[in-house]
Amino acid sequence: DTYAIGWFRQAPGKEREGVSCINYSGGSTNYRDSVKGR
């Protein structure tokens, strides 16, 4: 069994948004623009 993991966040009064993700092998990652580099 393999799975990707995503991180999401929800601030008060705002919709939930995607932050980052990684696939099972670790070879694929993604970030929202506002957190890239941090």
PDB file of all heavy atoms in Angstrom:
ATOM      1  N   ASP A   1       0.839  -1.192   0.000  1.00  0.00           N
ATOM      2  CA  ASP A   1       0.000   0.000   0.000  1.00  0.00           C
ATOM      3  C   ASP A   1       0.874   1.242   0.000  1.00  0.00           C
ATOM      4  O   ASP A   1       1.801   1.353   0.797  1.00  0.00           O
ATOM      5  CB  ASP A   1      -0.904   0.031   1.237  1.00  0.00           C
ATOM      6  CG  ASP A   1      -2.080  -0.902   1.101  1.00  0.00           C
ATOM      7  OD1 ASP A   1      -2.502  -1.171  -0.038  1.00  0.00           O
ATOM      8  OD2 ASP A   1      -2.585  -1.362   2.134  1.00  0.00           O
ATOM      9  N   THR A   2       0.572   2.142  -0.902  1.00  0.00           N
ATOM     10  CA  THR A   2       1.338   3.381  -0.968  1.00  0.00           C
ATOM     11  C   THR A   2       0.382   4.559  -1.025  1.00  0.00           C
ATOM     12  O   THR A   2      -0.753   4.437  -1.490  1.00  0.00           O
ATOM     13  CB  THR A   2       2.260   3.403  -2.203  1.00  0.00           C
ATOM     14  OG1 THR A   2       1.466   3.282  -3.387  1.00  0.00           O
ATOM     15  CG2 THR A   2       3.269   2.270  -2.157  1.00  0.00           C
ATOM     16  N   TYR A   3       0.835   5.682  -0.535  1.00  0.00           N
ATOM     17  CA  TYR A   3      -0.057   6.835  -0.450  1.00  0.00           C
ATOM     18  C   TYR A   3       0.750   8.123  -0.500  1.00  0.00           C
ATOM     19  O   TYR A   3       1.878   8.188  -0.008  1.00  0.00           O
ATOM     20  CB  TYR A   3      -0.876   6.779   0.851  1.00  0.00           C
ATOM     21  CG  TYR A   3      -0.036   6.628   2.091  1.00  0.00           C
ATOM     22  CD1 TYR A   3       0.347   7.748   2.839  1.00  0.00           C
ATOM     23  CD2 TYR A   3       0.406   5.377   2.515  1.00  0.00           C
ATOM     24  CE1 TYR A   3       1.130   7.615   3.968  1.00  0.00           C
ATOM     25  CE2 TYR A   3       1.200   5.241   3.636  1.00  0.00           C
ATOM     26  CZ  TYR A   3       1.560   6.358   4.360  1.00  0.00           C
ATOM     27  OH  TYR A   3       2.353   6.221   5.479  1.00  0.00           O
ATOM     28  N   ALA A   4       0.170   9.118  -1.088  1.00  0.00           N
ATOM     29  CA  ALA A   4       0.722  10.463  -1.037  1.00  0.00           C
ATOM     30  C   ALA A   4       0.135  11.171   0.184  1.00  0.00           C
ATOM     31  O   ALA A   4      -0.940  10.804   0.660  1.00  0.00           O
ATOM     32  CB  ALA A   4       0.370  11.229  -2.300  1.00  0.00           C
ATOM     33  N   ILE A   5       0.842  12.162   0.676  1.00  0.00           N
ATOM     34  CA  ILE A   5       0.359  12.963   1.810  1.00  0.00           C
ATOM     35  C   ILE A   5       0.325  14.426   1.387  1.00  0.00           C
ATOM     36  O   ILE A   5       1.270  14.944   0.789  1.00  0.00           O
ATOM     37  CB  ILE A   5       1.261  12.810   3.042  1.00  0.00           C
ATOM     38  CG1 ILE A   5       1.119  11.420   3.649  1.00  0.00           C
ATOM     39  CG2 ILE A   5       0.935  13.884   4.079  1.00  0.00           C
ATOM     40  CD1 ILE A   5      -0.196  11.165   4.361  1.00  0.00           C
ATOM     41  N   GLY A   6      -0.763  15.054   1.724  1.00  0.00           N
ATOM     42  CA  GLY A   6      -0.891  16.483   1.503  1.00  0.00           C
ATOM     43  C   GLY A   6      -1.096  17.204   2.823  1.00  0.00           C
ATOM     44  O   GLY A   6      -1.680  16.653   3.757  1.00  0.00           O
ATOM     45  N   TRP A   7      -0.591  18.411   2.889  1.00  0.00           N
ATOM     46  CA  TRP A   7      -0.861  19.292   4.032  1.00  0.00           C
ATOM     47  C   TRP A   7      -1.778  20.417   3.553  1.00  0.00           C
ATOM     48  O   TRP A   7      -1.534  21.035   2.513  1.00  0.00           O
ATOM     49  CB  TRP A   7       0.426  19.891   4.582  1.00  0.00           C
ATOM     50  CG  TRP A   7       1.227  18.970   5.435  1.00  0.00           C
ATOM     51  CD1 TRP A   7       2.307  18.229   5.062  1.00  0.00           C
ATOM     52  CD2 TRP A   7       1.002  18.686   6.821  1.00  0.00           C
ATOM     53  NE1 TRP A   7       2.784  17.494   6.124  1.00  0.00           N
ATOM     54  CE2 TRP A   7       2.001  17.760   7.225  1.00  0.00           C
ATOM     55  CE3 TRP A   7       0.083  19.118   7.780  1.00  0.00           C
ATOM     56  CZ2 TRP A   7       2.093  17.269   8.528  1.00  0.00           C
ATOM     57  CZ3 TRP A   7       0.169  18.627   9.064  1.00  0.00           C
ATOM     58  CH2 TRP A   7       1.167  17.713   9.428  1.00  0.00           C
ATOM     59  N   PHE A   8      -2.796  20.672   4.345  1.00  0.00           N
ATOM     60  CA  PHE A   8      -3.757  21.730   4.056  1.00  0.00           C
ATOM     61  C   PHE A   8      -3.893  22.586   5.303  1.00  0.00           C
ATOM     62  O   PHE A   8      -3.519  22.164   6.399  1.00  0.00           O
ATOM     63  CB  PHE A   8      -5.111  21.128   3.677  1.00  0.00           C
ATOM     64  CG  PHE A   8      -5.062  20.290   2.429  1.00  0.00           C
ATOM     65  CD1 PHE A   8      -4.610  18.975   2.476  1.00  0.00           C
ATOM     66  CD2 PHE A   8      -5.450  20.800   1.206  1.00  0.00           C
ATOM     67  CE1 PHE A   8      -4.537  18.192   1.332  1.00  0.00           C
ATOM     68  CE2 PHE A   8      -5.380  20.042   0.056  1.00  0.00           C
ATOM     69  CZ  PHE A   8      -4.922  18.732   0.121  1.00  0.00           C
ATOM     70  N   ARG A   9      -4.426  23.776   5.151  1.00  0.00           N
ATOM     71  CA  ARG A   9      -4.644  24.634   6.320  1.00  0.00           C
ATOM     72  C   ARG A   9      -5.912  25.451   6.145  1.00  0.00           C
ATOM     73  O   ARG A   9      -6.340  25.743   5.010  1.00  0.00           O
ATOM     74  CB  ARG A   9      -3.439  25.558   6.542  1.00  0.00           C
ATOM     75  CG  ARG A   9      -3.222  26.598   5.459  1.00  0.00           C
ATOM     76  CD  ARG A   9      -1.925  27.364   5.715  1.00  0.00           C
ATOM     77  NE  ARG A   9      -1.698  28.411   4.707  1.00  0.00           N
ATOM     78  CZ  ARG A   9      -0.587  29.122   4.624  1.00  0.00           C
ATOM     79  NH1 ARG A   9       0.417  28.935   5.488  1.00  0.00           N
ATOM     80  NH2 ARG A   9      -0.458  30.039   3.681  1.00  0.00           N
ATOM     81  N   GLN A  10      -6.483  25.810   7.279  1.00  0.00           N
ATOM     82  CA  GLN A  10      -7.688  26.635   7.272  1.00  0.00           C
ATOM     83  C   GLN A  10      -7.573  27.698   8.346  1.00  0.00           C
ATOM     84  O   GLN A  10      -7.481  27.377   9.537  1.00  0.00           O
ATOM     85  CB  GLN A  10      -8.943  25.790   7.486  1.00  0.00           C
ATOM     86  CG  GLN A  10     -10.225  26.574   7.304  1.00  0.00           C
ATOM     87  CD  GLN A  10     -11.431  25.672   7.209  1.00  0.00           C
ATOM     88  OE1 GLN A  10     -11.435  24.526   7.652  1.00  0.00           O
ATOM     89  NE2 GLN A  10     -12.496  26.189   6.601  1.00  0.00           N
ATOM     90  N   ALA A  11      -7.563  28.930   7.917  1.00  0.00           N
ATOM     91  CA  ALA A  11      -7.521  30.066   8.831  1.00  0.00           C
ATOM     92  C   ALA A  11      -8.952  30.463   9.187  1.00  0.00           C
ATOM     93  O   ALA A  11      -9.893  30.177   8.434  1.00  0.00           O
ATOM     94  CB  ALA A  11      -6.784  31.228   8.181  1.00  0.00           C
ATOM     95  N   PRO A  12      -9.133  31.133  10.318  1.00  0.00           N
ATOM     96  CA  PRO A  12     -10.483  31.557  10.727  1.00  0.00           C
ATOM     97  C   PRO A  12     -11.157  32.390   9.643  1.00  0.00           C
ATOM     98  O   PRO A  12     -10.575  33.335   9.117  1.00  0.00           O
ATOM     99  CB  PRO A  12     -10.220  32.385  11.986  1.00  0.00           C
ATOM    100  CG  PRO A  12      -8.936  31.872  12.513  1.00  0.00           C
ATOM    101  CD  PRO A  12      -8.118  31.495  11.319  1.00  0.00           C
ATOM    102  N   GLY A  13     -12.383  32.004   9.289  1.00  0.00           N
ATOM    103  CA  GLY A  13     -13.146  32.753   8.312  1.00  0.00           C
ATOM    104  C   GLY A  13     -12.729  32.546   6.873  1.00  0.00           C
ATOM    105  O   GLY A  13     -13.241  33.224   5.970  1.00  0.00           O
ATOM    106  N   LYS A  14     -11.803  31.611   6.645  1.00  0.00           N
ATOM    107  CA  LYS A  14     -11.327  31.377   5.275  1.00  0.00           C
ATOM    108  C   LYS A  14     -11.540  29.920   4.882  1.00  0.00           C
ATOM    109  O   LYS A  14     -11.721  29.048   5.727  1.00  0.00           O
ATOM    110  CB  LYS A  14      -9.846  31.742   5.154  1.00  0.00           C
ATOM    111  CG  LYS A  14      -9.561  33.222   5.360  1.00  0.00           C
ATOM    112  CD  LYS A  14      -8.101  33.530   5.075  1.00  0.00           C
ATOM    113  CE  LYS A  14      -7.820  35.021   5.206  1.00  0.00           C
ATOM    114  NZ  LYS A  14      -6.392  35.339   4.898  1.00  0.00           N
ATOM    115  N   GLU A  15     -11.506  29.676   3.585  1.00  0.00           N
ATOM    116  CA  GLU A  15     -11.626  28.313   3.099  1.00  0.00           C
ATOM    117  C   GLU A  15     -10.312  27.554   3.297  1.00  0.00           C
ATOM    118  O   GLU A  15      -9.233  28.154   3.370  1.00  0.00           O
ATOM    119  CB  GLU A  15     -12.007  28.315   1.609  1.00  0.00           C
ATOM    120  CG  GLU A  15     -13.399  28.863   1.325  1.00  0.00           C
ATOM    121  CD  GLU A  15     -13.795  28.696  -0.123  1.00  0.00           C
ATOM    122  OE1 GLU A  15     -12.945  28.305  -0.930  1.00  0.00           O
ATOM    123  OE2 GLU A  15     -14.968  28.974  -0.451  1.00  0.00           O
ATOM    124  N   ARG A  16     -10.423  26.251   3.363  1.00  0.00           N
ATOM    125  CA  ARG A  16      -9.233  25.422   3.481  1.00  0.00           C
ATOM    126  C   ARG A  16      -8.427  25.508   2.187  1.00  0.00           C
ATOM    127  O   ARG A  16      -9.018  25.512   1.090  1.00  0.00           O
ATOM    128  CB  ARG A  16      -9.623  23.977   3.801  1.00  0.00           C
ATOM    129  CG  ARG A  16      -8.446  23.109   4.183  1.00  0.00           C
ATOM    130  CD  ARG A  16      -8.870  21.905   5.012  1.00  0.00           C
ATOM    131  NE  ARG A  16      -9.892  21.097   4.383  1.00  0.00           N
ATOM    132  CZ  ARG A  16     -10.494  20.074   4.989  1.00  0.00           C
ATOM    133  NH1 ARG A  16     -10.167  19.747   6.224  1.00  0.00           N
ATOM    134  NH2 ARG A  16     -11.403  19.367   4.345  1.00  0.00           N
ATOM    135  N   GLU A  17      -7.112  25.557   2.324  1.00  0.00           N
ATOM    136  CA  GLU A  17      -6.257  25.662   1.151  1.00  0.00           C
ATOM    137  C   GLU A  17      -5.115  24.658   1.219  1.00  0.00           C
ATOM    138  O   GLU A  17      -4.669  24.278   2.303  1.00  0.00           O
ATOM    139  CB  GLU A  17      -5.676  27.078   1.022  1.00  0.00           C
ATOM    140  CG  GLU A  17      -4.814  27.520   2.183  1.00  0.00           C
ATOM    141  CD  GLU A  17      -4.356  28.969   2.082  1.00  0.00           C
ATOM    142  OE1 GLU A  17      -4.971  29.755   1.331  1.00  0.00           O
ATOM    143  OE2 GLU A  17      -3.362  29.308   2.765  1.00  0.00           O
ATOM    144  N   GLY A  18      -4.645  24.243   0.061  1.00  0.00           N
ATOM    145  CA  GLY A  18      -3.535  23.318   0.015  1.00  0.00           C
ATOM    146  C   GLY A  18      -2.221  24.008   0.287  1.00  0.00           C
ATOM    147  O   GLY A  18      -2.008  25.135  -0.163  1.00  0.00           O
ATOM    148  N   VAL A  19      -1.333  23.346   1.013  1.00  0.00           N
ATOM    149  CA  VAL A  19      -0.049  23.918   1.383  1.00  0.00           C
ATOM    150  C   VAL A  19       1.102  23.197   0.685  1.00  0.00           C
ATOM    151  O   VAL A  19       1.954  23.830   0.061  1.00  0.00           O
ATOM    152  CB  VAL A  19       0.163  23.861   2.904  1.00  0.00           C
ATOM    153  CG1 VAL A  19       1.544  24.388   3.278  1.00  0.00           C
ATOM    154  CG2 VAL A  19      -0.926  24.647   3.630  1.00  0.00           C
ATOM    155  N   SER A  20       1.103  21.866   0.796  1.00  0.00           N
ATOM    156  CA  SER A  20       2.212  21.098   0.235  1.00  0.00           C
ATOM    157  C   SER A  20       1.798  19.650   0.096  1.00  0.00           C
ATOM    158  O   SER A  20       0.813  19.210   0.695  1.00  0.00           O
ATOM    159  CB  SER A  20       3.432  21.205   1.153  1.00  0.00           C
ATOM    160  OG  SER A  20       4.549  20.527   0.615  1.00  0.00           O
ATOM    161  N   CYS A  21       2.538  18.899  -0.702  1.00  0.00           N
ATOM    162  CA  CYS A  21       2.277  17.461  -0.824  1.00  0.00           C
ATOM    163  C   CYS A  21       3.570  16.744  -1.184  1.00  0.00           C
ATOM    164  O   CYS A  21       4.540  17.352  -1.663  1.00  0.00           O
ATOM    165  CB  CYS A  21       1.194  17.169  -1.856  1.00  0.00           C
ATOM    166  SG  CYS A  21       1.641  17.567  -3.553  1.00  0.00           S
ATOM    167  N   ILE A  22       3.548  15.429  -0.950  1.00  0.00           N
ATOM    168  CA  ILE A  22       4.684  14.586  -1.297  1.00  0.00           C
ATOM    169  C   ILE A  22       4.157  13.211  -1.671  1.00  0.00           C
ATOM    170  O   ILE A  22       3.231  12.697  -1.035  1.00  0.00           O
ATOM    171  CB  ILE A  22       5.686  14.509  -0.114  1.00  0.00           C
ATOM    172  CG1 ILE A  22       6.954  13.747  -0.504  1.00  0.00           C
ATOM    173  CG2 ILE A  22       5.045  13.897   1.130  1.00  0.00           C
ATOM    174  CD1 ILE A  22       8.084  13.893   0.523  1.00  0.00           C
ATOM    175  N   ASN A  23       4.717  12.628  -2.722  1.00  0.00           N
ATOM    176  CA  ASN A  23       4.265  11.286  -3.079  1.00  0.00           C
ATOM    177  C   ASN A  23       4.999  10.242  -2.238  1.00  0.00           C
ATOM    178  O   ASN A  23       5.864  10.570  -1.412  1.00  0.00           O
ATOM    179  CB  ASN A  23       4.417  11.033  -4.578  1.00  0.00           C
ATOM    180  CG  ASN A  23       5.867  10.907  -5.034  1.00  0.00           C
ATOM    181  OD1 ASN A  23       6.800  11.144  -4.273  1.00  0.00           O
ATOM    182  ND2 ASN A  23       6.048  10.554  -6.288  1.00  0.00           N
ATOM    183  N   TYR A  24       4.651   8.974  -2.432  1.00  0.00           N
ATOM    184  CA  TYR A  24       5.176   7.941  -1.542  1.00  0.00           C
ATOM    185  C   TYR A  24       6.685   7.773  -1.691  1.00  0.00           C
ATOM    186  O   TYR A  24       7.400   7.580  -0.719  1.00  0.00           O
ATOM    187  CB  TYR A  24       4.473   6.612  -1.813  1.00  0.00           C
ATOM    188  CG  TYR A  24       4.812   5.542  -0.807  1.00  0.00           C
ATOM    189  CD1 TYR A  24       4.177   5.525   0.427  1.00  0.00           C
ATOM    190  CD2 TYR A  24       5.767   4.561  -1.087  1.00  0.00           C
ATOM    191  CE1 TYR A  24       4.479   4.560   1.369  1.00  0.00           C
ATOM    192  CE2 TYR A  24       6.075   3.596  -0.151  1.00  0.00           C
ATOM    193  CZ  TYR A  24       5.430   3.592   1.072  1.00  0.00           C
ATOM    194  OH  TYR A  24       5.737   2.642   1.998  1.00  0.00           O
ATOM    195  N   SER A  25       7.170   7.862  -2.914  1.00  0.00           N
ATOM    196  CA  SER A  25       8.601   7.690  -3.146  1.00  0.00           C
ATOM    197  C   SER A  25       9.409   8.896  -2.693  1.00  0.00           C
ATOM    198  O   SER A  25      10.628   8.807  -2.538  1.00  0.00           O
ATOM    199  CB  SER A  25       8.871   7.438  -4.632  1.00  0.00           C
ATOM    200  OG  SER A  25       8.642   8.624  -5.384  1.00  0.00           O
ATOM    201  N   GLY A  26       8.742  10.031  -2.489  1.00  0.00           N
ATOM    202  CA  GLY A  26       9.439  11.255  -2.114  1.00  0.00           C
ATOM    203  C   GLY A  26       9.986  12.024  -3.301  1.00  0.00           C
ATOM    204  O   GLY A  26      10.560  13.100  -3.137  1.00  0.00           O
ATOM    205  N   GLY A  27       9.798  11.487  -4.493  1.00  0.00           N
ATOM    206  CA  GLY A  27      10.346  12.117  -5.680  1.00  0.00           C
ATOM    207  C   GLY A  27       9.506  13.244  -6.240  1.00  0.00           C
ATOM    208  O   GLY A  27       9.950  13.982  -7.125  1.00  0.00           O
ATOM    209  N   SER A  28       8.296  13.380  -5.754  1.00  0.00           N
ATOM    210  CA  SER A  28       7.419  14.449  -6.206  1.00  0.00           C
ATOM    211  C   SER A  28       6.948  15.256  -5.010  1.00  0.00           C
ATOM    212  O   SER A  28       6.391  14.696  -4.064  1.00  0.00           O
ATOM    213  CB  SER A  28       6.210  13.870  -6.948  1.00  0.00           C
ATOM    214  OG  SER A  28       5.253  14.873  -7.227  1.00  0.00           O
ATOM    215  N   THR A  29       7.207  16.542  -5.035  1.00  0.00           N
ATOM    216  CA  THR A  29       6.712  17.438  -3.994  1.00  0.00           C
ATOM    217  C   THR A  29       6.107  18.664  -4.662  1.00  0.00           C
ATOM    218  O   THR A  29       6.415  18.969  -5.819  1.00  0.00           O
ATOM    219  CB  THR A  29       7.810  17.888  -3.019  1.00  0.00           C
ATOM    220  OG1 THR A  29       8.836  18.577  -3.764  1.00  0.00           O
ATOM    221  CG2 THR A  29       8.437  16.715  -2.290  1.00  0.00           C
ATOM    222  N   ASN A  30       5.268  19.353  -3.909  1.00  0.00           N
ATOM    223  CA  ASN A  30       4.589  20.531  -4.427  1.00  0.00           C
ATOM    224  C   ASN A  30       4.340  21.502  -3.280  1.00  0.00           C
ATOM    225  O   ASN A  30       4.117  21.056  -2.138  1.00  0.00           O
ATOM    226  CB  ASN A  30       3.244  20.133  -5.046  1.00  0.00           C
ATOM    227  CG  ASN A  30       3.098  20.608  -6.469  1.00  0.00           C
ATOM    228  OD1 ASN A  30       3.602  21.670  -6.831  1.00  0.00           O
ATOM    229  ND2 ASN A  30       2.428  19.817  -7.270  1.00  0.00           N
ATOM    230  N   TYR A  31       4.380  22.792  -3.580  1.00  0.00           N
ATOM    231  CA  TYR A  31       4.138  23.803  -2.548  1.00  0.00           C
ATOM    232  C   TYR A  31       3.287  24.925  -3.130  1.00  0.00           C
ATOM    233  O   TYR A  31       3.415  25.274  -4.312  1.00  0.00           O
ATOM    234  CB  TYR A  31       5.457  24.417  -2.075  1.00  0.00           C
ATOM    235  CG  TYR A  31       6.434  23.444  -1.465  1.00  0.00           C
ATOM    236  CD1 TYR A  31       7.380  22.796  -2.245  1.00  0.00           C
ATOM    237  CD2 TYR A  31       6.408  23.175  -0.087  1.00  0.00           C
ATOM    238  CE1 TYR A  31       8.272  21.900  -1.683  1.00  0.00           C
ATOM    239  CE2 TYR A  31       7.301  22.285   0.479  1.00  0.00           C
ATOM    240  CZ  TYR A  31       8.235  21.653  -0.339  1.00  0.00           C
ATOM    241  OH  TYR A  31       9.120  20.761   0.232  1.00  0.00           O
ATOM    242  N   ARG A  32       2.453  25.510  -2.285  1.00  0.00           N
ATOM    243  CA  ARG A  32       1.771  26.720  -2.743  1.00  0.00           C
ATOM    244  C   ARG A  32       2.791  27.850  -2.773  1.00  0.00           C
ATOM    245  O   ARG A  32       3.789  27.830  -2.033  1.00  0.00           O
ATOM    246  CB  ARG A  32       0.589  27.063  -1.857  1.00  0.00           C
ATOM    247  CG  ARG A  32       0.900  27.530  -0.467  1.00  0.00           C
ATOM    248  CD  ARG A  32      -0.387  27.865   0.304  1.00  0.00           C
ATOM    249  NE  ARG A  32      -1.155  28.937  -0.299  1.00  0.00           N
ATOM    250  CZ  ARG A  32      -2.313  28.752  -0.933  1.00  0.00           C
ATOM    251  NH1 ARG A  32      -2.833  27.541  -1.022  1.00  0.00           N
ATOM    252  NH2 ARG A  32      -2.967  29.771  -1.456  1.00  0.00           N
ATOM    253  N   ASP A  33       2.544  28.817  -3.627  1.00  0.00           N
ATOM    254  CA  ASP A  33       3.539  29.867  -3.848  1.00  0.00           C
ATOM    255  C   ASP A  33       3.935  30.598  -2.574  1.00  0.00           C
ATOM    256  O   ASP A  33       5.104  30.943  -2.376  1.00  0.00           O
ATOM    257  CB  ASP A  33       3.019  30.869  -4.883  1.00  0.00           C
ATOM    258  CG  ASP A  33       3.010  30.309  -6.295  1.00  0.00           C
ATOM    259  OD1 ASP A  33       3.660  29.260  -6.524  1.00  0.00           O
ATOM    260  OD2 ASP A  33       2.353  30.906  -7.161  1.00  0.00           O
ATOM    261  N   SER A  34       2.982  30.839  -1.698  1.00  0.00           N
ATOM    262  CA  SER A  34       3.259  31.660  -0.517  1.00  0.00           C
ATOM    263  C   SER A  34       4.173  30.983   0.498  1.00  0.00           C
ATOM    264  O   SER A  34       4.672  31.657   1.411  1.00  0.00           O
ATOM    265  CB  SER A  34       1.945  32.071   0.159  1.00  0.00           C
ATOM    266  OG  SER A  34       1.248  30.931   0.601  1.00  0.00           O
ATOM    267  N   VAL A  35       4.409  29.686   0.369  1.00  0.00           N
ATOM    268  CA  VAL A  35       5.280  28.995   1.329  1.00  0.00           C
ATOM    269  C   VAL A  35       6.570  28.486   0.698  1.00  0.00           C
ATOM    270  O   VAL A  35       7.436  27.961   1.401  1.00  0.00           O
ATOM    271  CB  VAL A  35       4.546  27.817   2.023  1.00  0.00           C
ATOM    272  CG1 VAL A  35       3.232  28.288   2.629  1.00  0.00           C
ATOM    273  CG2 VAL A  35       4.342  26.646   1.068  1.00  0.00           C
ATOM    274  N   LYS A  36       6.708  28.642  -0.604  1.00  0.00           N
ATOM    275  CA  LYS A  36       7.923  28.180  -1.284  1.00  0.00           C
ATOM    276  C   LYS A  36       9.145  28.880  -0.703  1.00  0.00           C
ATOM    277  O   LYS A  36       9.143  30.088  -0.499  1.00  0.00           O
ATOM    278  CB  LYS A  36       7.818  28.451  -2.782  1.00  0.00           C
ATOM    279  CG  LYS A  36       6.905  27.497  -3.513  1.00  0.00           C
ATOM    280  CD  LYS A  36       6.845  27.811  -4.999  1.00  0.00           C
ATOM    281  CE  LYS A  36       5.905  26.858  -5.720  1.00  0.00           C
ATOM    282  NZ  LYS A  36       5.777  27.181  -7.164  1.00  0.00           N
ATOM    283  N   GLY A  37      10.177  28.102  -0.437  1.00  0.00           N
ATOM    284  CA  GLY A  37      11.399  28.645   0.134  1.00  0.00           C
ATOM    285  C   GLY A  37      11.375  28.740   1.646  1.00  0.00           C
ATOM    286  O   GLY A  37      12.408  28.978   2.271  1.00  0.00           O
ATOM    287  N   ARG A  38      10.202  28.552   2.245  1.00  0.00           N
ATOM    288  CA  ARG A  38      10.082  28.614   3.704  1.00  0.00           C
ATOM    289  C   ARG A  38       9.700  27.268   4.305  1.00  0.00           C
ATOM    290  O   ARG A  38      10.131  26.938   5.408  1.00  0.00           O
ATOM    291  CB  ARG A  38       9.041  29.663   4.109  1.00  0.00           C
ATOM    292  CG  ARG A  38       9.343  31.060   3.643  1.00  0.00           C
ATOM    293  CD  ARG A  38       8.368  32.078   4.255  1.00  0.00           C
ATOM    294  NE  ARG A  38       6.985  31.846   3.870  1.00  0.00           N
ATOM    295  CZ  ARG A  38       5.996  31.646   4.742  1.00  0.00           C
ATOM    296  NH1 ARG A  38       6.247  31.637   6.039  1.00  0.00           N
ATOM    297  NH2 ARG A  38       4.767  31.479   4.297  1.00  0.00           N
TER     298      ARG A  38
END
